PDB file of N, CA and C in Angstrom:
ATOM      1  N   MET A   1     -41.442 117.511  86.972  1.00  0.00           N
ATOM      2  CA  MET A   1     -41.381 119.302  86.715  1.00  0.00           C
ATOM      3  C   MET A   1     -43.289 118.792  87.476  1.00  0.00           C
ATOM      4  N   VAL A   2     -43.879 118.089  86.261  1.00  0.00           N
ATOM      5  CA  VAL A   2     -45.381 118.034  86.157  1.00  0.00           C
ATOM      6  C   VAL A   2     -45.990 116.991  86.987  1.00  0.00           C
ATOM      7  N   ARG A   3     -44.837 116.211  87.400  1.00  0.00           N
ATOM      8  CA  ARG A   3     -45.601 114.914  88.296  1.00  0.00           C
ATOM      9  C   ARG A   3     -45.333 116.012  90.090  1.00  0.00           C
ATOM     10  N   VAL A   4     -44.251 116.367  90.003  1.00  0.00           N
ATOM     11  CA  VAL A   4     -44.344 117.299  91.428  1.00  0.00           C
ATOM     12  C   VAL A   4     -45.803 119.008  92.163  1.00  0.00           C
ATOM     13  N   LEU A   5     -45.576 119.130  91.455  1.00  0.00           N
ATOM     14  CA  LEU A   5     -47.124 120.408  90.462  1.00  0.00           C
ATOM     15  C   LEU A   5     -48.234 118.935  90.866  1.00  0.00           C
ATOM     16  N   ASP A   6     -48.848 118.233  90.433  1.00  0.00           N
ATOM     17  CA  ASP A   6     -49.522 117.832  90.494  1.00  0.00           C
ATOM     18  C   ASP A   6     -50.113 117.198  91.650  1.00  0.00           C
ATOM     19  N   GLU A   7     -48.757 116.315  92.141  1.00  0.00           N
ATOM     20  CA  GLU A   7     -48.728 116.054  93.643  1.00  0.00           C
ATOM     21  C   GLU A   7     -48.819 117.316  94.831  1.00  0.00           C
ATOM     22  N   LEU A   8     -48.453 117.966  93.690  1.00  0.00           N
ATOM     23  CA  LEU A   8     -48.565 119.114  95.374  1.00  0.00           C
ATOM     24  C   LEU A   8     -50.385 120.270  95.169  1.00  0.00           C
ATOM     25  N   LYS A   9     -50.546 120.065  94.186  1.00  0.00           N
ATOM     26  CA  LYS A   9     -52.617 119.832  94.028  1.00  0.00           C
ATOM     27  C   LYS A   9     -53.035 119.382  94.511  1.00  0.00           C
ATOM     28  N   ALA A  10     -52.884 118.402  94.455  1.00  0.00           N
ATOM     29  CA  ALA A  10     -53.620 116.899  94.721  1.00  0.00           C
ATOM     30  C   ALA A  10     -53.224 116.684  96.437  1.00  0.00           C
ATOM     31  N   SER A  11     -52.103 117.399  96.901  1.00  0.00           N
ATOM     32  CA  SER A  11     -51.813 117.043  98.623  1.00  0.00           C
ATOM     33  C   SER A  11     -52.295 118.343  98.885  1.00  0.00           C
ATOM     34  N   HIS A  12     -52.151 119.504  98.833  1.00  0.00           N
ATOM     35  CA  HIS A  12     -53.165 120.271  98.790  1.00  0.00           C
ATOM     36  C   HIS A  12     -54.597 120.095  99.012  1.00  0.00           C
ATOM     37  N   SER A  13     -54.904 119.552  98.161  1.00  0.00           N
ATOM     38  CA  SER A  13     -57.104 119.320  98.367  1.00  0.00           C
ATOM     39  C   SER A  13     -57.389 118.323  99.319  1.00  0.00           C
ATOM     40  N   ALA A  14     -56.452 117.683  99.542  1.00  0.00           N
ATOM     41  CA  ALA A  14     -56.763 116.217  99.908  1.00  0.00           C
ATOM     42  C   ALA A  14     -56.298 116.345 101.341  1.00  0.00           C
ATOM     43  N   SER A  15     -55.318 117.297 101.547  1.00  0.00           N
ATOM     44  CA  SER A  15     -55.166 117.678 103.272  1.00  0.00           C
ATOM     45  C   SER A  15     -55.520 118.082 104.006  1.00  0.00           C
ATOM     46  N   GLY A  16     -55.848 117.089 105.323  1.00  0.00           N
ATOM     47  CA  GLY A  16     -56.898 117.894 106.459  1.00  0.00           C
ATOM     48  C   GLY A  16     -56.234 117.479 107.559  1.00  0.00           C
ATOM     49  N   GLY A  17     -54.882 118.804 107.470  1.00  0.00           N
ATOM     50  CA  GLY A  17     -54.533 120.087 108.564  1.00  0.00           C
ATOM     51  C   GLY A  17     -53.839 118.709 109.372  1.00  0.00           C
ATOM     52  N   SER A  18     -53.132 118.029 109.122  1.00  0.00           N
ATOM     53  CA  SER A  18     -52.340 117.705 110.179  1.00  0.00           C
ATOM     54  C   SER A  18     -51.399 117.739 110.384  1.00  0.00           C
ATOM     55  N   GLU A  19     -50.382 117.392 110.735  1.00  0.00           N
ATOM     56  CA  GLU A  19     -48.543 117.673 111.124  1.00  0.00           C
ATOM     57  C   GLU A  19     -48.399 116.909 110.370  1.00  0.00           C
ATOM     58  N   GLN A  20     -48.992 115.007 110.145  1.00  0.00           N
ATOM     59  CA  GLN A  20     -47.877 114.731 108.956  1.00  0.00           C
ATOM     60  C   GLN A  20     -48.304 115.865 107.482  1.00  0.00           C
ATOM     61  N   ASP A  21     -49.730 115.538 107.164  1.00  0.00           N
ATOM     62  CA  ASP A  21     -50.150 116.497 106.189  1.00  0.00           C
ATOM     63  C   ASP A  21     -49.244 117.820 105.645  1.00  0.00           C
ATOM     64  N   LEU A  22     -49.173 118.749 106.942  1.00  0.00           N
ATOM     65  CA  LEU A  22     -48.427 119.578 106.428  1.00  0.00           C
ATOM     66  C   LEU A  22     -46.906 119.716 106.415  1.00  0.00           C
ATOM     67  N   ASP A  23     -46.528 118.742 106.581  1.00  0.00           N
ATOM     68  CA  ASP A  23     -44.840 118.031 106.512  1.00  0.00           C
ATOM     69  C   ASP A  23     -44.543 117.886 105.151  1.00  0.00           C
ATOM     70  N   GLY A  24     -45.525 117.419 105.202  1.00  0.00           N
ATOM     71  CA  GLY A  24     -45.739 116.926 103.361  1.00  0.00           C
ATOM     72  C   GLY A  24     -45.831 118.082 102.235  1.00  0.00           C
ATOM     73  N   LEU A  25     -47.048 118.399 102.365  1.00  0.00           N
ATOM     74  CA  LEU A  25     -46.552 120.037 101.664  1.00  0.00           C
ATOM     75  C   LEU A  25     -45.719 121.021 101.583  1.00  0.00           C
ATOM     76  N   VAL A  26     -45.216 120.605 102.517  1.00  0.00           N
ATOM     77  CA  VAL A  26     -43.861 121.890 102.608  1.00  0.00           C
ATOM     78  C   VAL A  26     -42.496 120.301 102.043  1.00  0.00           C
ATOM     79  N   SER A  27     -43.005 119.365 102.860  1.00  0.00           N
ATOM     80  CA  SER A  27     -41.554 118.687 101.583  1.00  0.00           C
ATOM     81  C   SER A  27     -42.018 118.295 100.045  1.00  0.00           C
ATOM     82  N   LEU A  28     -43.000 118.728  99.501  1.00  0.00           N
ATOM     83  CA  LEU A  28     -43.782 119.172  97.963  1.00  0.00           C
ATOM     84  C   LEU A  28     -43.050 120.474  97.586  1.00  0.00           C
ATOM     85  N   LEU A  29     -43.196 121.270  98.443  1.00  0.00           N
ATOM     86  CA  LEU A  29     -42.874 122.928  98.217  1.00  0.00           C
ATOM     87  C   LEU A  29     -41.701 122.634  97.862  1.00  0.00           C
ATOM     88  N   ASP A  30     -41.003 122.711  98.880  1.00  0.00           N
ATOM     89  CA  ASP A  30     -39.779 122.629  98.759  1.00  0.00           C
ATOM     90  C   ASP A  30     -39.049 121.778  97.528  1.00  0.00           C
ATOM     91  N   GLU A  31     -39.246 120.226  97.264  1.00  0.00           N
ATOM     92  CA  GLU A  31     -39.011 119.787  96.634  1.00  0.00           C
ATOM     93  C   GLU A  31     -39.548 120.328  94.813  1.00  0.00           C
ATOM     94  N   THR A  32     -40.495 121.295  94.846  1.00  0.00           N
ATOM     95  CA  THR A  32     -40.379 121.822  93.576  1.00  0.00           C
ATOM     96  C   THR A  32     -39.725 122.970  93.910  1.00  0.00           C
ATOM     97  N   ARG A  33     -39.334 123.700  94.877  1.00  0.00           N
ATOM     98  CA  ARG A  33     -38.587 124.307  94.758  1.00  0.00           C
ATOM     99  C   ARG A  33     -37.072 124.222  94.201  1.00  0.00           C
ATOM    100  N   GLY A  34     -36.609 123.308  95.147  1.00  0.00           N
ATOM    101  CA  GLY A  34     -35.202 122.361  94.305  1.00  0.00           C
ATOM    102  C   GLY A  34     -35.447 122.294  93.359  1.00  0.00           C
ATOM    103  N   LEU A  35     -36.695 122.020  92.271  1.00  0.00           N
ATOM    104  CA  LEU A  35     -36.144 122.025  90.366  1.00  0.00           C
ATOM    105  C   LEU A  35     -36.236 123.132  90.617  1.00  0.00           C
ATOM    106  N   CYS A  36     -36.893 124.282  90.864  1.00  0.00           N
ATOM    107  CA  CYS A  36     -36.878 125.523  89.884  1.00  0.00           C
ATOM    108  C   CYS A  36     -35.291 126.083  90.199  1.00  0.00           C
ATOM    109  N   CYS A  37     -34.803 125.994  90.936  1.00  0.00           N
ATOM    110  CA  CYS A  37     -33.494 126.458  91.058  1.00  0.00           C
ATOM    111  C   CYS A  37     -31.954 125.580  91.743  1.00  0.00           C
ATOM    112  N   SER A  38     -32.442 124.366  90.113  1.00  0.00           N
ATOM    113  CA  SER A  38     -30.850 123.767  90.105  1.00  0.00           C
ATOM    114  C   SER A  38     -30.562 124.486  88.416  1.00  0.00           C
ATOM    115  N   ASP A  39     -29.824 123.101  87.903  1.00  0.00           N
ATOM    116  CA  ASP A  39     -29.181 123.467  87.337  1.00  0.00           C
ATOM    117  C   ASP A  39     -29.980 123.798  85.709  1.00  0.00           C
ATOM    118  N   GLU A  40     -31.618 123.835  85.464  1.00  0.00           N
ATOM    119  CA  GLU A  40     -32.813 123.420  84.900  1.00  0.00           C
ATOM    120  C   GLU A  40     -33.158 124.172  85.630  1.00  0.00           C
ATOM    121  N   GLY A  41     -33.156 124.751  85.808  1.00  0.00           N
ATOM    122  CA  GLY A  41     -34.236 126.485  87.144  1.00  0.00           C
ATOM    123  C   GLY A  41     -35.074 127.402  86.397  1.00  0.00           C
ATOM    124  N   SER A  42     -34.473 127.459  85.631  1.00  0.00           N
ATOM    125  CA  SER A  42     -35.384 128.760  84.582  1.00  0.00           C
ATOM    126  C   SER A  42     -36.307 127.858  83.443  1.00  0.00           C
ATOM    127  N   GLU A  43     -36.120 126.725  83.096  1.00  0.00           N
ATOM    128  CA  GLU A  43     -36.567 125.961  81.628  1.00  0.00           C
ATOM    129  C   GLU A  43     -37.890 125.621  83.120  1.00  0.00           C
ATOM    130  N   ASN A  44     -37.788 124.800  84.172  1.00  0.00           N
ATOM    131  CA  ASN A  44     -38.716 124.059  84.853  1.00  0.00           C
ATOM    132  C   ASN A  44     -39.581 125.092  85.880  1.00  0.00           C
ATOM    133  N   ALA A  45     -39.085 126.039  85.383  1.00  0.00           N
ATOM    134  CA  ALA A  45     -39.760 127.473  86.250  1.00  0.00           C
ATOM    135  C   ALA A  45     -41.174 127.943  85.603  1.00  0.00           C
ATOM    136  N   ALA A  46     -40.683 127.679  83.896  1.00  0.00           N
ATOM    137  CA  ALA A  46     -41.401 128.346  83.343  1.00  0.00           C
ATOM    138  C   ALA A  46     -42.038 127.340  83.054  1.00  0.00           C
ATOM    139  N   ILE A  47     -42.139 125.921  83.644  1.00  0.00           N
ATOM    140  CA  ILE A  47     -43.091 124.720  83.311  1.00  0.00           C
ATOM    141  C   ILE A  47     -43.922 124.989  84.661  1.00  0.00           C
ATOM    142  N   ALA A  48     -43.833 125.810  85.711  1.00  0.00           N
ATOM    143  CA  ALA A  48     -44.308 125.766  86.434  1.00  0.00           C
ATOM    144  C   ALA A  48     -45.293 126.388  86.322  1.00  0.00           C
ATOM    145  N   VAL A  49     -44.724 127.655  86.455  1.00  0.00           N
ATOM    146  CA  VAL A  49     -45.855 128.781  85.920  1.00  0.00           C
ATOM    147  C   VAL A  49     -47.016 128.330  84.952  1.00  0.00           C
ATOM    148  N   ARG A  50     -46.631 127.967  83.795  1.00  0.00           N
ATOM    149  CA  ARG A  50     -47.288 127.446  83.087  1.00  0.00           C
ATOM    150  C   ARG A  50     -48.849 126.198  83.263  1.00  0.00           C
ATOM    151  N   ASN A  51     -48.020 125.687  84.206  1.00  0.00           N
ATOM    152  CA  ASN A  51     -49.051 124.554  84.486  1.00  0.00           C
ATOM    153  C   ASN A  51     -49.211 124.743  86.067  1.00  0.00           C
ATOM    154  N   GLY A  52     -49.729 126.561  85.984  1.00  0.00           N
ATOM    155  CA  GLY A  52     -50.610 127.278  87.688  1.00  0.00           C
ATOM    156  C   GLY A  52     -50.035 127.080  89.115  1.00  0.00           C
ATOM    157  N   VAL A  53     -48.894 127.110  89.063  1.00  0.00           N
ATOM    158  CA  VAL A  53     -48.687 126.983  90.004  1.00  0.00           C
ATOM    159  C   VAL A  53     -48.801 128.121  90.879  1.00  0.00           C
ATOM    160  N   ALA A  54     -48.589 129.449  90.793  1.00  0.00           N
ATOM    161  CA  ALA A  54     -48.862 130.879  91.157  1.00  0.00           C
ATOM    162  C   ALA A  54     -49.923 130.464  91.605  1.00  0.00           C
ATOM    163  N   GLU A  55     -51.275 129.806  90.908  1.00  0.00           N
ATOM    164  CA  GLU A  55     -52.396 130.265  91.644  1.00  0.00           C
ATOM    165  C   GLU A  55     -52.270 129.080  92.982  1.00  0.00           C
ATOM    166  N   ALA A  56     -52.293 127.672  92.466  1.00  0.00           N
ATOM    167  CA  ALA A  56     -51.763 126.513  93.642  1.00  0.00           C
ATOM    168  C   ALA A  56     -51.583 127.142  94.532  1.00  0.00           C
ATOM    169  N   LEU A  57     -50.030 128.127  94.712  1.00  0.00           N
ATOM    170  CA  LEU A  57     -49.636 128.249  95.512  1.00  0.00           C
ATOM    171  C   LEU A  57     -50.670 129.190  96.091  1.00  0.00           C
ATOM    172  N   VAL A  58     -51.417 130.553  95.297  1.00  0.00           N
ATOM    173  CA  VAL A  58     -52.021 131.226  96.356  1.00  0.00           C
ATOM    174  C   VAL A  58     -52.846 130.951  96.955  1.00  0.00           C
ATOM    175  N   ALA A  59     -53.649 129.941  96.320  1.00  0.00           N
ATOM    176  CA  ALA A  59     -55.365 129.359  97.127  1.00  0.00           C
ATOM    177  C   ALA A  59     -53.943 128.312  98.339  1.00  0.00           C
ATOM    178  N   LEU A  60     -53.046 128.156  98.324  1.00  0.00           N
ATOM    179  CA  LEU A  60     -52.500 127.676  99.466  1.00  0.00           C
ATOM    180  C   LEU A  60     -53.056 128.339 100.751  1.00  0.00           C
ATOM    181  N   CYS A  61     -52.032 129.519 100.300  1.00  0.00           N
ATOM    182  CA  CYS A  61     -51.570 130.560 100.914  1.00  0.00           C
ATOM    183  C   CYS A  61     -52.633 130.510 101.531  1.00  0.00           C
ATOM    184  N   ALA A  62     -53.742 130.838 101.082  1.00  0.00           N
ATOM    185  CA  ALA A  62     -55.068 131.754 101.556  1.00  0.00           C
ATOM    186  C   ALA A  62     -55.700 130.510 102.557  1.00  0.00           C
ATOM    187  N   SER A  63     -55.529 129.472 102.378  1.00  0.00           N
ATOM    188  CA  SER A  63     -56.321 128.878 103.424  1.00  0.00           C
ATOM    189  C   SER A  63     -55.533 128.168 104.728  1.00  0.00           C
ATOM    190  N   THR A  64     -54.466 129.012 104.079  1.00  0.00           N
ATOM    191  CA  THR A  64     -53.613 128.145 105.512  1.00  0.00           C
ATOM    192  C   THR A  64     -53.840 129.145 106.613  1.00  0.00           C
ATOM    193  N   ARG A  65     -53.544 128.215 107.306  1.00  0.00           N
ATOM    194  CA  ARG A  65     -53.558 128.882 108.986  1.00  0.00           C
ATOM    195  C   ARG A  65     -53.065 129.592 109.359  1.00  0.00           C
ATOM    196  N   VAL A  66     -52.502 130.640 110.572  1.00  0.00           N
ATOM    197  CA  VAL A  66     -51.589 131.084 111.327  1.00  0.00           C
ATOM    198  C   VAL A  66     -50.634 130.211 111.268  1.00  0.00           C
ATOM    199  N   GLN A  67     -50.586 129.584 111.840  1.00  0.00           N
ATOM    200  CA  GLN A  67     -50.611 128.476 112.888  1.00  0.00           C
ATOM    201  C   GLN A  67     -49.586 127.359 112.083  1.00  0.00           C
ATOM    202  N   GLN A  68     -50.034 127.281 110.676  1.00  0.00           N
ATOM    203  CA  GLN A  68     -48.983 126.455 109.712  1.00  0.00           C
ATOM    204  C   GLN A  68     -47.657 127.548 108.977  1.00  0.00           C
ATOM    205  N   GLU A  69     -47.036 128.325 109.524  1.00  0.00           N
ATOM    206  CA  GLU A  69     -46.495 128.658 109.112  1.00  0.00           C
ATOM    207  C   GLU A  69     -45.016 128.741 108.452  1.00  0.00           C
ATOM    208  N   ARG A  70     -45.222 127.152 108.870  1.00  0.00           N
ATOM    209  CA  ARG A  70     -43.633 126.217 107.933  1.00  0.00           C
ATOM    210  C   ARG A  70     -44.122 126.544 106.514  1.00  0.00           C
ATOM    211  N   LEU A  71     -45.533 126.016 106.799  1.00  0.00           N
ATOM    212  CA  LEU A  71     -46.421 125.993 105.203  1.00  0.00           C
ATOM    213  C   LEU A  71     -46.245 127.574 104.374  1.00  0.00           C
ATOM    214  N   LEU A  72     -46.601 128.383 105.195  1.00  0.00           N
ATOM    215  CA  LEU A  72     -46.104 129.345 104.756  1.00  0.00           C
ATOM    216  C   LEU A  72     -45.448 130.080 103.791  1.00  0.00           C
ATOM    217  N   VAL A  73     -44.383 129.788 104.646  1.00  0.00           N
ATOM    218  CA  VAL A  73     -42.790 130.439 104.971  1.00  0.00           C
ATOM    219  C   VAL A  73     -42.445 129.989 103.218  1.00  0.00           C
ATOM    220  N   SER A  74     -42.870 128.726 103.453  1.00  0.00           N
ATOM    221  CA  SER A  74     -42.334 127.558 101.947  1.00  0.00           C
ATOM    222  C   SER A  74     -42.772 128.179 100.673  1.00  0.00           C
ATOM    223  N   ALA A  75     -44.343 127.573 100.525  1.00  0.00           N
ATOM    224  CA  ALA A  75     -45.065 128.471  99.913  1.00  0.00           C
ATOM    225  C   ALA A  75     -44.793 129.774  99.130  1.00  0.00           C
ATOM    226  N   LEU A  76     -44.405 130.777  99.836  1.00  0.00           N
ATOM    227  CA  LEU A  76     -43.969 131.997  99.191  1.00  0.00           C
ATOM    228  C   LEU A  76     -42.644 132.298  99.473  1.00  0.00           C
ATOM    229  N   LYS A  77     -41.542 130.960  99.234  1.00  0.00           N
ATOM    230  CA  LYS A  77     -40.174 131.088  99.122  1.00  0.00           C
ATOM    231  C   LYS A  77     -40.187 130.668  97.445  1.00  0.00           C
ATOM    232  N   MET A  78     -41.324 129.603  97.474  1.00  0.00           N
ATOM    233  CA  MET A  78     -41.708 128.826  96.043  1.00  0.00           C
ATOM    234  C   MET A  78     -42.167 130.094  94.913  1.00  0.00           C
ATOM    235  N   LEU A  79     -43.017 130.835  95.676  1.00  0.00           N
ATOM    236  CA  LEU A  79     -43.464 131.291  94.679  1.00  0.00           C
ATOM    237  C   LEU A  79     -42.614 132.910  94.559  1.00  0.00           C
ATOM    238  N   SER A  80     -41.979 133.149  95.066  1.00  0.00           N
ATOM    239  CA  SER A  80     -40.672 133.671  94.738  1.00  0.00           C
ATOM    240  C   SER A  80     -39.647 133.860  94.193  1.00  0.00           C
ATOM    241  N   SER A  81     -39.459 132.184  94.350  1.00  0.00           N
ATOM    242  CA  SER A  81     -38.134 131.660  92.892  1.00  0.00           C
ATOM    243  C   SER A  81     -38.744 131.535  91.563  1.00  0.00           C
ATOM    244  N   CYS A  82     -39.774 131.089  91.991  1.00  0.00           N
ATOM    245  CA  CYS A  82     -40.568 131.025  90.276  1.00  0.00           C
ATOM    246  C   CYS A  82     -40.868 132.277  89.949  1.00  0.00           C
ATOM    247  N   MET A  83     -41.404 132.826  90.598  1.00  0.00           N
ATOM    248  CA  MET A  83     -41.345 134.565  89.508  1.00  0.00           C
ATOM    249  C   MET A  83     -40.495 134.691  89.377  1.00  0.00           C
ATOM    250  N   THR A  84     -39.428 134.923  90.365  1.00  0.00           N
ATOM    251  CA  THR A  84     -38.151 135.156  89.672  1.00  0.00           C
ATOM    252  C   THR A  84     -36.885 134.875  88.577  1.00  0.00           C
ATOM    253  N   LEU A  85     -36.891 133.804  88.842  1.00  0.00           N
ATOM    254  CA  LEU A  85     -36.295 133.142  86.846  1.00  0.00           C
ATOM    255  C   LEU A  85     -37.116 133.218  86.112  1.00  0.00           C
ATOM    256  N   VAL A  86     -38.748 132.955  86.099  1.00  0.00           N
ATOM    257  CA  VAL A  86     -39.157 133.426  85.647  1.00  0.00           C
ATOM    258  C   VAL A  86     -38.888 134.988  84.126  1.00  0.00           C
ATOM    259  N   SER A  87     -39.237 135.624  85.305  1.00  0.00           N
ATOM    260  CA  SER A  87     -38.563 137.192  84.984  1.00  0.00           C
ATOM    261  C   SER A  87     -37.701 137.220  84.013  1.00  0.00           C
ATOM    262  N   LEU A  88     -36.399 136.496  85.113  1.00  0.00           N
ATOM    263  CA  LEU A  88     -35.511 136.316  84.482  1.00  0.00           C
ATOM    264  C   LEU A  88     -35.207 136.399  82.899  1.00  0.00           C
ATOM    265  N   TRP A  89     -35.849 135.228  83.038  1.00  0.00           N
ATOM    266  CA  TRP A  89     -35.849 134.182  81.335  1.00  0.00           C
ATOM    267  C   TRP A  89     -37.092 134.456  80.112  1.00  0.00           C
ATOM    268  N   VAL A  90     -37.634 135.641  80.835  1.00  0.00           N
ATOM    269  CA  VAL A  90     -38.624 136.321  79.827  1.00  0.00           C
ATOM    270  C   VAL A  90     -37.006 137.310  79.526  1.00  0.00           C
ATOM    271  N   LEU A  91     -36.264 138.023  79.875  1.00  0.00           N
ATOM    272  CA  LEU A  91     -35.977 139.138  79.658  1.00  0.00           C
ATOM    273  C   LEU A  91     -34.942 138.744  78.735  1.00  0.00           C
TER     274      LEU A  91
END
């Protein structure tokens, strides 16, 4: 989980906005979301939140142009999944 988060943060900061960069970010977001929704999802979501996934996703959404709808949708789905799983885990 931490490796994927590090890749996500690095990809976002190095992203040039090309279609290939966009596809890579969407793929990383989908992989991260998959990890959070797996059998160990709540643990992975907690790890993601502790390691700054919420902040990284908010920064990613804030810097996303309107034309990058796929990226925005993936980021918001990921954020929703993490927050839901962590809130259930805490309860």
